[in-house]
């Protein structure tokens, strides 16, 4: 049986977003025990020219939402441009998860050749649906979710691969 666009994306987005959610929860518990300030943690980055933790979380959610939503041709949820608190990041993830759960297989499957146009560097760029979903949105999603995890890990939080991966389907 062939893997459909829906099966290859939405369940993966949901799995890793739930992992990110859990990683943030574990980090928050440990930060509270150590009396660390989340305002400082949210602005941490691995290197000066990289995004902060909060921006990594935003980018993770944006690529999941845009990847599935634009390819499916549905209206995207409205979210703020930036998160000011730990709770804001958690709300962003929850909103993204809720949105992805509304997308049905028939909204993605069969959209392999649908034109998806995004703006990159101020210029429109068109992709076929499958190429946009798998080679733009998902690749960026993986990068940002992994970098968010790595920022927290670099700060010494006791989180691991199983936390990162979230609940796997059985």
N, C-alpha and C. Protein backbone atom coordinates (compact mmCIF):
# COMPACT_ATOMS: atom_id res chain seq x y z
N UNK A 1 0.84 -1.19 0.00
CA UNK A 1 0.00 0.00 0.00
C UNK A 1 0.89 1.25 0.00
N UNK A 2 0.57 2.17 -0.84
CA UNK A 2 1.33 3.42 -0.93
C UNK A 2 1.04 4.30 0.28
N UNK A 3 2.04 5.08 0.65
CA UNK A 3 1.88 6.03 1.74
C UNK A 3 1.26 7.30 1.17
N UNK A 4 0.17 7.75 1.76
CA UNK A 4 -0.51 8.94 1.26
C UNK A 4 0.15 10.20 1.82
N UNK A 5 -0.14 11.32 1.20
CA UNK A 5 0.39 12.60 1.68
C UNK A 5 -0.08 12.86 3.11
N UNK A 6 -1.32 12.54 3.40
CA UNK A 6 -1.83 12.74 4.76
C UNK A 6 -1.04 11.87 5.74
N UNK A 7 -0.95 10.58 5.45
CA UNK A 7 -0.27 9.66 6.36
C UNK A 7 1.20 10.02 6.56
N UNK A 8 1.82 10.56 5.55
CA UNK A 8 3.23 10.91 5.62
C UNK A 8 3.50 12.25 6.28
N UNK A 9 2.46 12.98 6.64
CA UNK A 9 2.69 14.31 7.21
C UNK A 9 1.93 14.57 8.51
N UNK A 10 0.62 14.60 8.47
CA UNK A 10 -0.15 15.04 9.63
C UNK A 10 0.14 14.19 10.87
N UNK A 11 0.10 12.86 10.81
CA UNK A 11 0.43 12.09 12.01
C UNK A 11 1.85 12.34 12.53
N UNK A 12 2.78 12.60 11.62
CA UNK A 12 4.16 12.90 12.03
C UNK A 12 4.21 14.26 12.73
N UNK A 13 3.55 15.26 12.15
CA UNK A 13 3.48 16.56 12.80
C UNK A 13 2.90 16.42 14.20
N UNK A 14 1.79 15.68 14.31
CA UNK A 14 1.13 15.53 15.60
C UNK A 14 2.02 14.83 16.62
N UNK A 15 2.72 13.80 16.18
CA UNK A 15 3.60 13.06 17.09
C UNK A 15 4.70 13.96 17.65
N UNK A 16 5.39 14.68 16.77
CA UNK A 16 6.51 15.49 17.23
C UNK A 16 6.06 16.75 17.96
N UNK A 17 4.90 17.28 17.62
CA UNK A 17 4.37 18.41 18.39
C UNK A 17 4.00 17.97 19.80
N UNK A 18 3.46 16.76 19.94
CA UNK A 18 3.16 16.27 21.30
C UNK A 18 4.46 16.04 22.05
N UNK A 19 5.51 15.58 21.35
CA UNK A 19 6.81 15.45 21.98
C UNK A 19 7.35 16.79 22.44
N UNK A 20 7.26 17.81 21.58
CA UNK A 20 7.71 19.15 21.94
C UNK A 20 6.94 19.67 23.15
N UNK A 21 5.66 19.43 23.15
CA UNK A 21 4.82 19.83 24.28
C UNK A 21 5.33 19.20 25.57
N UNK A 22 5.60 17.91 25.52
CA UNK A 22 6.10 17.20 26.70
C UNK A 22 7.48 17.66 27.11
N UNK A 23 8.35 17.93 26.14
CA UNK A 23 9.69 18.43 26.43
C UNK A 23 9.60 19.77 27.16
N UNK A 24 8.73 20.64 26.68
CA UNK A 24 8.55 21.94 27.33
C UNK A 24 8.01 21.77 28.76
N UNK A 25 7.08 20.84 28.95
CA UNK A 25 6.55 20.60 30.29
C UNK A 25 7.65 20.12 31.24
N UNK A 26 8.45 19.17 30.79
CA UNK A 26 9.55 18.67 31.63
C UNK A 26 10.55 19.78 31.94
N UNK A 27 10.88 20.56 30.94
CA UNK A 27 11.81 21.67 31.16
C UNK A 27 11.22 22.69 32.13
N UNK A 28 9.94 22.96 32.03
CA UNK A 28 9.30 23.92 32.93
C UNK A 28 9.34 23.43 34.37
N UNK A 29 9.08 22.15 34.58
CA UNK A 29 9.15 21.59 35.94
C UNK A 29 10.56 21.71 36.50
N UNK A 30 11.53 21.38 35.69
CA UNK A 30 12.92 21.45 36.14
C UNK A 30 13.36 22.90 36.34
N UNK A 31 12.91 23.80 35.48
CA UNK A 31 13.25 25.22 35.61
C UNK A 31 12.66 25.79 36.90
N UNK A 32 11.44 25.39 37.22
CA UNK A 32 10.80 25.88 38.45
C UNK A 32 11.58 25.38 39.67
N UNK A 33 12.00 24.13 39.64
CA UNK A 33 12.76 23.58 40.76
C UNK A 33 14.09 24.30 40.95
N UNK A 34 14.67 24.77 39.84
CA UNK A 34 15.96 25.46 39.89
C UNK A 34 15.79 26.98 39.96
N UNK A 35 14.54 27.43 39.98
CA UNK A 35 14.21 28.86 40.02
C UNK A 35 14.82 29.63 38.84
N UNK A 36 14.70 29.02 37.65
CA UNK A 36 15.18 29.66 36.43
C UNK A 36 14.06 30.51 35.83
N UNK A 37 14.42 31.58 35.19
CA UNK A 37 13.47 32.53 34.61
C UNK A 37 13.14 32.13 33.17
N UNK A 38 11.85 31.85 32.89
CA UNK A 38 11.45 31.44 31.54
C UNK A 38 11.67 32.54 30.51
N UNK A 39 11.63 33.80 30.95
CA UNK A 39 11.89 34.89 30.00
C UNK A 39 13.31 34.78 29.43
N UNK A 40 14.25 34.35 30.27
CA UNK A 40 15.62 34.15 29.81
C UNK A 40 15.69 32.90 28.93
N UNK A 41 15.05 31.82 29.36
CA UNK A 41 15.10 30.56 28.61
C UNK A 41 14.48 30.71 27.22
N UNK A 42 13.38 31.43 27.13
CA UNK A 42 12.70 31.60 25.83
C UNK A 42 13.57 32.34 24.82
N UNK A 43 14.49 33.15 25.33
CA UNK A 43 15.35 33.94 24.44
C UNK A 43 16.72 33.31 24.23
N UNK A 44 16.89 32.08 24.71
CA UNK A 44 18.16 31.38 24.54
C UNK A 44 18.26 30.87 23.11
N UNK A 45 19.48 30.85 22.60
CA UNK A 45 19.72 30.33 21.27
C UNK A 45 21.04 29.57 21.28
N UNK A 46 21.21 28.68 20.32
CA UNK A 46 22.43 27.87 20.27
C UNK A 46 23.63 28.68 19.78
N UNK A 47 23.37 29.66 18.94
CA UNK A 47 24.43 30.47 18.38
C UNK A 47 23.84 31.84 18.06
N UNK A 48 24.64 32.91 18.13
CA UNK A 48 24.07 34.25 17.97
C UNK A 48 23.22 34.48 16.73
N UNK A 49 23.51 33.81 15.61
CA UNK A 49 22.73 34.06 14.40
C UNK A 49 21.55 33.10 14.23
N UNK A 50 21.26 32.32 15.27
CA UNK A 50 20.14 31.37 15.21
C UNK A 50 18.93 31.94 15.95
N UNK A 51 17.76 31.38 15.65
CA UNK A 51 16.53 31.79 16.34
C UNK A 51 16.58 31.39 17.81
N UNK A 52 15.81 32.14 18.60
CA UNK A 52 15.64 31.82 20.02
C UNK A 52 14.74 30.60 20.18
N UNK A 53 14.67 30.08 21.40
CA UNK A 53 13.78 28.95 21.68
C UNK A 53 12.34 29.29 21.28
N UNK A 54 11.86 30.46 21.69
CA UNK A 54 10.48 30.84 21.36
C UNK A 54 10.27 30.89 19.85
N UNK A 55 11.24 31.40 19.12
CA UNK A 55 11.11 31.49 17.66
C UNK A 55 11.21 30.11 17.01
N UNK A 56 12.00 29.19 17.61
CA UNK A 56 12.06 27.82 17.10
C UNK A 56 10.70 27.14 17.24
N UNK A 57 10.05 27.35 18.40
CA UNK A 57 8.72 26.76 18.62
C UNK A 57 7.74 27.35 17.62
N UNK A 58 7.79 28.66 17.42
CA UNK A 58 6.89 29.30 16.45
C UNK A 58 7.11 28.74 15.05
N UNK A 59 8.37 28.62 14.65
CA UNK A 59 8.68 28.11 13.31
C UNK A 59 8.23 26.66 13.16
N UNK A 60 8.40 25.86 14.20
CA UNK A 60 7.93 24.48 14.17
C UNK A 60 6.43 24.45 13.88
N UNK A 61 5.68 25.23 14.63
CA UNK A 61 4.22 25.27 14.46
C UNK A 61 3.83 25.85 13.10
N UNK A 62 4.52 26.89 12.67
CA UNK A 62 4.22 27.51 11.38
C UNK A 62 4.41 26.51 10.23
N UNK A 63 5.49 25.77 10.25
CA UNK A 63 5.75 24.84 9.14
C UNK A 63 4.75 23.68 9.14
N UNK A 64 4.32 23.22 10.31
CA UNK A 64 3.30 22.17 10.36
C UNK A 64 1.96 22.71 9.84
N UNK A 65 1.58 23.87 10.35
CA UNK A 65 0.31 24.49 9.96
C UNK A 65 0.30 24.83 8.48
N UNK A 66 1.33 25.53 8.02
CA UNK A 66 1.39 25.94 6.62
C UNK A 66 1.51 24.75 5.69
N UNK A 67 2.35 23.79 6.07
CA UNK A 67 2.55 22.62 5.22
C UNK A 67 1.26 21.88 4.95
N UNK A 68 0.56 21.52 6.02
CA UNK A 68 -0.69 20.79 5.86
C UNK A 68 -1.81 21.70 5.35
N UNK A 69 -1.91 22.89 5.93
CA UNK A 69 -3.03 23.78 5.61
C UNK A 69 -2.99 24.34 4.20
N UNK A 70 -1.84 24.83 3.77
CA UNK A 70 -1.74 25.39 2.41
C UNK A 70 -1.92 24.31 1.36
N UNK A 71 -1.34 23.15 1.62
CA UNK A 71 -1.48 22.06 0.66
C UNK A 71 -2.93 21.60 0.58
N UNK A 72 -3.61 21.57 1.72
CA UNK A 72 -5.01 21.17 1.74
C UNK A 72 -5.92 22.28 1.21
N UNK A 73 -5.43 23.50 1.18
CA UNK A 73 -6.23 24.62 0.70
C UNK A 73 -7.25 25.11 1.70
N UNK A 74 -6.92 25.00 3.00
CA UNK A 74 -7.85 25.44 4.04
C UNK A 74 -7.32 26.71 4.71
N UNK A 75 -8.21 27.42 5.37
CA UNK A 75 -7.82 28.63 6.08
C UNK A 75 -6.93 28.28 7.27
N UNK A 76 -5.86 29.03 7.41
CA UNK A 76 -4.91 28.79 8.49
C UNK A 76 -5.35 29.51 9.76
N UNK A 77 -5.02 28.96 10.93
CA UNK A 77 -5.39 29.64 12.17
C UNK A 77 -4.60 30.94 12.33
N UNK A 78 -5.19 31.89 13.00
CA UNK A 78 -4.53 33.17 13.26
C UNK A 78 -3.80 33.06 14.61
N UNK A 79 -2.51 33.28 14.57
CA UNK A 79 -1.70 33.23 15.78
C UNK A 79 -0.86 34.50 15.87
N UNK A 80 -0.47 34.89 17.09
CA UNK A 80 0.37 36.09 17.22
C UNK A 80 1.73 35.89 16.56
N UNK A 81 2.39 36.99 16.25
CA UNK A 81 3.70 36.93 15.60
C UNK A 81 4.80 36.43 16.54
N UNK A 82 4.60 36.58 17.84
CA UNK A 82 5.62 36.17 18.81
C UNK A 82 4.95 35.73 20.10
N UNK A 83 5.67 34.92 20.85
CA UNK A 83 5.18 34.46 22.14
C UNK A 83 5.94 35.19 23.24
N UNK A 84 5.20 35.66 24.23
CA UNK A 84 5.80 36.43 25.32
C UNK A 84 6.02 35.60 26.58
N UNK A 85 5.49 34.39 26.61
CA UNK A 85 5.59 33.59 27.83
C UNK A 85 5.59 32.10 27.49
N UNK A 86 5.93 31.32 28.49
CA UNK A 86 5.86 29.87 28.37
C UNK A 86 4.44 29.45 27.99
N UNK A 87 3.45 30.05 28.64
CA UNK A 87 2.05 29.72 28.36
C UNK A 87 1.68 30.04 26.92
N UNK A 88 2.23 31.13 26.38
CA UNK A 88 1.98 31.47 24.98
C UNK A 88 2.51 30.39 24.04
N UNK A 89 3.71 29.87 24.35
CA UNK A 89 4.27 28.80 23.52
C UNK A 89 3.38 27.56 23.58
N UNK A 90 2.92 27.23 24.78
CA UNK A 90 2.06 26.06 24.94
C UNK A 90 0.74 26.25 24.19
N UNK A 91 0.19 27.46 24.22
CA UNK A 91 -1.04 27.75 23.50
C UNK A 91 -0.82 27.62 22.00
N UNK A 92 0.31 28.08 21.51
CA UNK A 92 0.64 27.97 20.08
C UNK A 92 0.66 26.51 19.67
N UNK A 93 1.33 25.67 20.45
CA UNK A 93 1.40 24.25 20.13
C UNK A 93 0.01 23.62 20.16
N UNK A 94 -0.78 23.93 21.19
CA UNK A 94 -2.13 23.37 21.31
C UNK A 94 -3.01 23.80 20.14
N UNK A 95 -2.91 25.05 19.73
CA UNK A 95 -3.69 25.55 18.59
C UNK A 95 -3.27 24.84 17.31
N UNK A 96 -1.98 24.61 17.16
CA UNK A 96 -1.47 23.91 15.97
C UNK A 96 -1.98 22.48 15.94
N UNK A 97 -1.91 21.80 17.09
CA UNK A 97 -2.40 20.42 17.18
C UNK A 97 -3.89 20.37 16.86
N UNK A 98 -4.65 21.28 17.46
CA UNK A 98 -6.10 21.31 17.21
C UNK A 98 -6.38 21.53 15.72
N UNK A 99 -5.64 22.44 15.09
CA UNK A 99 -5.83 22.70 13.67
C UNK A 99 -5.52 21.46 12.84
N UNK A 100 -4.39 20.83 13.11
CA UNK A 100 -4.00 19.64 12.33
C UNK A 100 -5.02 18.52 12.46
N UNK A 101 -5.65 18.42 13.61
CA UNK A 101 -6.66 17.38 13.82
C UNK A 101 -7.92 17.63 12.99
N UNK A 102 -8.09 18.84 12.48
CA UNK A 102 -9.27 19.13 11.64
C UNK A 102 -9.03 18.72 10.19
N UNK A 103 -7.78 18.52 9.82
CA UNK A 103 -7.47 18.16 8.43
C UNK A 103 -7.74 16.68 8.23
N UNK A 104 -8.49 16.39 7.21
CA UNK A 104 -8.88 15.01 6.88
C UNK A 104 -8.02 14.50 5.73
N UNK A 105 -7.84 13.19 5.65
CA UNK A 105 -7.01 12.62 4.57
C UNK A 105 -7.42 13.09 3.18
N UNK A 106 -8.72 13.19 2.91
CA UNK A 106 -9.14 13.57 1.55
C UNK A 106 -8.83 15.03 1.23
N UNK A 107 -8.44 15.83 2.23
CA UNK A 107 -8.06 17.21 1.96
C UNK A 107 -6.60 17.32 1.48
N UNK A 108 -5.80 16.29 1.76
CA UNK A 108 -4.39 16.29 1.34
C UNK A 108 -4.12 15.30 0.21
N UNK A 109 -4.70 14.14 0.34
CA UNK A 109 -4.45 13.09 -0.65
C UNK A 109 -5.01 13.53 -2.00
N UNK A 110 -4.22 13.34 -3.03
CA UNK A 110 -4.62 13.78 -4.37
C UNK A 110 -4.18 15.19 -4.69
N UNK A 111 -3.52 15.87 -3.76
CA UNK A 111 -3.07 17.26 -3.98
C UNK A 111 -1.59 17.32 -4.37
N UNK A 112 -1.05 16.20 -4.81
CA UNK A 112 0.37 16.13 -5.14
C UNK A 112 0.80 17.19 -6.15
N UNK A 113 -0.05 17.46 -7.13
CA UNK A 113 0.30 18.41 -8.19
C UNK A 113 -0.34 19.78 -8.03
N UNK A 114 -1.08 19.98 -6.94
CA UNK A 114 -1.70 21.28 -6.69
C UNK A 114 -0.60 22.34 -6.52
N UNK A 115 -0.79 23.50 -7.12
CA UNK A 115 0.20 24.56 -6.98
C UNK A 115 0.04 25.24 -5.62
N UNK A 116 1.14 25.34 -4.90
CA UNK A 116 1.20 26.05 -3.62
C UNK A 116 2.23 27.15 -3.80
N UNK A 117 1.80 28.39 -3.59
CA UNK A 117 2.70 29.54 -3.74
C UNK A 117 2.92 30.18 -2.38
N UNK A 118 4.19 30.38 -2.05
CA UNK A 118 4.56 31.06 -0.81
C UNK A 118 5.49 32.21 -1.16
N UNK A 119 5.71 33.11 -0.21
CA UNK A 119 6.63 34.21 -0.42
C UNK A 119 7.93 33.89 0.31
N UNK A 120 9.02 33.92 -0.44
CA UNK A 120 10.35 33.68 0.12
C UNK A 120 11.25 34.83 -0.30
N UNK A 121 11.83 35.50 0.68
CA UNK A 121 12.70 36.63 0.36
C UNK A 121 11.97 37.73 -0.38
N UNK A 122 10.69 37.89 -0.08
CA UNK A 122 9.88 38.92 -0.73
C UNK A 122 9.39 38.55 -2.12
N UNK A 123 9.71 37.35 -2.58
CA UNK A 123 9.32 36.93 -3.92
C UNK A 123 8.42 35.70 -3.85
N UNK A 124 7.39 35.65 -4.70
CA UNK A 124 6.55 34.45 -4.72
C UNK A 124 7.32 33.26 -5.29
N UNK A 125 7.07 32.12 -4.71
CA UNK A 125 7.69 30.88 -5.20
C UNK A 125 6.62 29.80 -5.20
N UNK A 126 6.48 29.14 -6.33
CA UNK A 126 5.46 28.10 -6.48
C UNK A 126 6.09 26.72 -6.42
N UNK A 127 5.34 25.81 -5.80
CA UNK A 127 5.74 24.42 -5.67
C UNK A 127 4.55 23.54 -6.04
N UNK A 128 4.82 22.32 -6.44
CA UNK A 128 3.76 21.32 -6.48
C UNK A 128 3.49 20.93 -5.04
N UNK A 129 2.24 20.59 -4.73
CA UNK A 129 1.84 20.30 -3.37
C UNK A 129 2.72 19.30 -2.65
N UNK A 130 3.02 18.20 -3.31
CA UNK A 130 3.84 17.17 -2.67
C UNK A 130 5.25 17.69 -2.39
N UNK A 131 5.83 18.43 -3.32
CA UNK A 131 7.16 18.98 -3.11
C UNK A 131 7.16 19.99 -1.98
N UNK A 132 6.15 20.85 -1.93
CA UNK A 132 6.06 21.83 -0.85
C UNK A 132 5.94 21.13 0.51
N UNK A 133 5.03 20.19 0.60
CA UNK A 133 4.79 19.51 1.87
C UNK A 133 6.01 18.74 2.34
N UNK A 134 6.57 17.91 1.47
CA UNK A 134 7.66 17.01 1.89
C UNK A 134 9.05 17.66 1.87
N UNK A 135 9.28 18.59 0.94
CA UNK A 135 10.64 19.10 0.77
C UNK A 135 10.85 20.51 1.29
N UNK A 136 9.78 21.19 1.65
CA UNK A 136 9.90 22.52 2.25
C UNK A 136 9.36 22.49 3.68
N UNK A 137 8.07 22.22 3.82
CA UNK A 137 7.44 22.30 5.14
C UNK A 137 7.99 21.27 6.12
N UNK A 138 8.03 20.01 5.72
CA UNK A 138 8.46 18.98 6.65
C UNK A 138 9.94 19.08 7.01
N UNK A 139 10.77 19.40 6.04
CA UNK A 139 12.20 19.54 6.31
C UNK A 139 12.43 20.67 7.32
N UNK A 140 11.76 21.80 7.11
CA UNK A 140 11.88 22.92 8.05
C UNK A 140 11.28 22.57 9.41
N UNK A 141 10.15 21.88 9.42
CA UNK A 141 9.53 21.44 10.67
C UNK A 141 10.53 20.62 11.49
N UNK A 142 11.14 19.61 10.86
CA UNK A 142 12.12 18.77 11.57
C UNK A 142 13.29 19.61 12.11
N UNK A 143 13.78 20.51 11.31
CA UNK A 143 14.91 21.35 11.73
C UNK A 143 14.56 22.14 12.99
N UNK A 144 13.40 22.81 12.97
CA UNK A 144 13.06 23.69 14.08
C UNK A 144 12.65 22.93 15.35
N UNK A 145 11.94 21.83 15.20
CA UNK A 145 11.57 21.06 16.40
C UNK A 145 12.83 20.46 17.03
N UNK A 146 13.76 20.01 16.21
CA UNK A 146 15.02 19.46 16.73
C UNK A 146 15.86 20.55 17.38
N UNK A 147 15.90 21.72 16.80
CA UNK A 147 16.68 22.81 17.37
C UNK A 147 16.08 23.28 18.69
N UNK A 148 14.76 23.34 18.79
CA UNK A 148 14.13 23.69 20.08
C UNK A 148 14.53 22.68 21.16
N UNK A 149 14.46 21.40 20.82
CA UNK A 149 14.90 20.36 21.75
C UNK A 149 16.37 20.56 22.12
N UNK A 150 17.21 20.82 21.13
CA UNK A 150 18.64 20.98 21.38
C UNK A 150 18.96 22.18 22.27
N UNK A 151 18.21 23.25 22.13
CA UNK A 151 18.41 24.41 23.01
C UNK A 151 18.17 24.00 24.46
N UNK A 152 17.07 23.32 24.70
CA UNK A 152 16.76 22.90 26.08
C UNK A 152 17.78 21.89 26.59
N UNK A 153 18.18 20.98 25.74
CA UNK A 153 19.18 19.98 26.13
C UNK A 153 20.51 20.65 26.45
N UNK A 154 20.87 21.67 25.66
CA UNK A 154 22.15 22.37 25.89
C UNK A 154 22.15 23.12 27.21
N UNK A 155 20.97 23.43 27.72
CA UNK A 155 20.86 24.11 29.01
C UNK A 155 20.87 23.14 30.19
N UNK A 156 21.00 21.85 29.87
CA UNK A 156 21.13 20.86 30.92
C UNK A 156 19.83 20.23 31.40
N UNK A 157 18.75 20.49 30.71
CA UNK A 157 17.48 19.88 31.12
C UNK A 157 17.53 18.37 30.86
N UNK A 158 16.96 17.63 31.78
CA UNK A 158 16.95 16.17 31.71
C UNK A 158 15.79 15.73 30.81
N UNK A 159 16.05 15.79 29.52
CA UNK A 159 15.09 15.35 28.50
C UNK A 159 15.85 14.45 27.56
N UNK A 160 15.16 13.56 26.90
CA UNK A 160 15.84 12.63 26.03
C UNK A 160 15.09 12.36 24.75
N UNK A 161 15.61 11.41 24.01
CA UNK A 161 15.06 11.06 22.70
C UNK A 161 13.60 10.62 22.80
N UNK A 162 13.27 9.84 23.81
CA UNK A 162 11.88 9.39 23.96
C UNK A 162 10.94 10.57 24.21
N UNK A 163 11.42 11.56 24.95
CA UNK A 163 10.62 12.77 25.16
C UNK A 163 10.41 13.49 23.83
N UNK A 164 11.48 13.66 23.08
CA UNK A 164 11.45 14.34 21.79
C UNK A 164 10.46 13.67 20.84
N UNK A 165 10.48 12.36 20.80
CA UNK A 165 9.67 11.62 19.83
C UNK A 165 8.18 11.64 20.12
N UNK A 166 7.77 11.92 21.35
CA UNK A 166 6.35 11.93 21.67
C UNK A 166 5.75 10.54 21.60
N UNK A 167 4.45 10.47 21.62
CA UNK A 167 3.73 9.20 21.58
C UNK A 167 3.70 8.65 20.16
N UNK A 168 4.35 7.53 19.97
CA UNK A 168 4.36 6.92 18.65
C UNK A 168 3.08 6.09 18.44
N UNK A 169 2.57 6.08 17.23
CA UNK A 169 1.40 5.23 16.96
C UNK A 169 1.81 3.76 17.05
N UNK A 170 0.86 2.94 17.40
CA UNK A 170 1.18 1.50 17.49
C UNK A 170 0.38 0.70 16.48
